[in-house]
Amino acid sequence: MLYKFSELSDQAKKVAVEEYIHDAKLFGFWDDGQTEEDVYELLASPHETHRYDENGVLQGKVCYLDHNQIKFNETSEY
C-alpha cells in the first residue's frame, strides 16, 4: 500500500523529508535558504502527487490524465 505524505507516521515523514533534501542537493535544486519545515509544507501540499511506502521511501507519483484516468509512475520512470 502506498501513502500520501500526510498519511505517513511521524518517523516516516522524517525519512521522506531527509530523502527529499538529499535528492535536492544531489540534483542541484536545493536552496540553502530552505528549512526542514519548508520541505514538510511542500510535501504536505494538497496538490502533492508523490506516494511513499510505510517507511517514508518515495515510490513514485500519481499523474492525472484526461477523462479522469490516473497513471502511477514509479520513481525509475521519471
Protein backbone atom coordinates (compact mmCIF):
# COMPACT_ATOMS: atom_id res chain seq x y z
CA MET A 1 0.00 0.00 0.00
CA LEU A 2 1.20 3.50 -0.82
CA TYR A 3 0.56 6.66 1.14
CA LYS A 4 0.36 10.40 0.72
CA PHE A 5 2.84 12.36 2.82
CA SER A 6 0.06 13.46 5.18
CA GLU A 7 -0.86 9.81 5.85
CA LEU A 8 2.63 8.81 7.00
CA SER A 9 3.74 8.29 10.60
CA ASP A 10 5.94 10.99 12.11
CA GLN A 11 9.02 8.79 11.66
CA ALA A 12 8.16 8.05 8.02
CA LYS A 13 7.62 11.79 7.38
CA LYS A 14 11.09 12.45 8.79
CA VAL A 15 12.56 9.88 6.38
CA ALA A 16 10.67 11.41 3.43
CA VAL A 17 11.95 14.90 4.29
CA GLU A 18 15.54 13.68 4.69
CA GLU A 19 15.36 11.85 1.36
CA TYR A 20 13.91 14.92 -0.37
CA ILE A 21 16.71 17.12 0.98
CA HIS A 22 19.33 14.57 -0.04
CA ASP A 23 17.94 14.33 -3.59
CA ALA A 24 17.50 18.10 -3.88
CA LYS A 25 21.16 18.63 -3.02
CA LEU A 26 22.28 15.79 -5.28
CA PHE A 27 20.32 17.07 -8.29
CA GLY A 28 21.05 20.74 -7.69
CA PHE A 29 17.62 22.10 -6.83
CA TRP A 30 18.23 22.69 -3.12
CA ASP A 31 18.07 26.30 -1.96
CA ASP A 32 20.29 26.94 1.06
CA GLY A 33 17.58 29.24 2.40
CA GLN A 34 15.15 26.30 2.71
CA THR A 35 14.47 24.63 6.04
CA GLU A 36 13.08 21.24 7.00
CA GLU A 37 9.81 23.00 7.85
CA ASP A 38 9.67 24.32 4.27
CA VAL A 39 10.08 20.78 2.97
CA TYR A 40 7.34 19.48 5.29
CA GLU A 41 4.97 22.13 3.89
CA LEU A 42 5.95 21.31 0.31
CA LEU A 43 5.47 17.57 0.74
CA ALA A 44 2.17 18.03 2.60
CA SER A 45 0.70 20.27 -0.12
CA PRO A 46 -2.82 19.24 -1.13
CA HIS A 47 -1.57 19.21 -4.73
CA GLU A 48 1.34 16.85 -3.97
CA THR A 49 1.10 13.66 -6.02
CA HIS A 50 4.06 11.70 -4.65
CA ARG A 51 3.39 8.39 -2.93
CA TYR A 52 5.50 6.67 -0.29
CA ASP A 53 5.77 3.26 1.32
CA GLU A 54 5.06 2.91 5.06
CA ASN A 55 8.68 3.81 5.84
CA GLY A 56 8.58 7.15 4.02
CA VAL A 57 10.58 6.00 0.99
CA LEU A 58 9.35 7.58 -2.23
CA GLN A 59 7.85 5.02 -4.61
CA GLY A 60 6.51 7.25 -7.37
CA LYS A 61 3.85 9.76 -8.23
CA VAL A 62 0.31 9.85 -9.49
CA CYS A 63 -0.38 11.54 -12.82
CA TYR A 64 -3.90 12.60 -13.70
CA LEU A 65 -4.70 12.13 -17.36
CA ASP A 66 -7.68 13.19 -19.45
CA HIS A 67 -11.10 11.68 -18.77
CA ASN A 68 -10.39 11.09 -15.06
CA GLN A 69 -7.76 8.45 -15.78
CA ILE A 70 -4.94 8.01 -13.30
CA LYS A 71 -1.49 6.67 -14.05
CA PHE A 72 1.16 5.79 -11.47
CA ASN A 73 4.79 6.42 -12.44
CA GLU A 74 7.35 4.59 -10.35
CA THR A 75 10.40 6.60 -9.32
CA SER A 76 12.52 4.95 -12.01
CA GLU A 77 10.13 6.26 -14.71
CA TYR A 78 10.83 9.97 -14.18
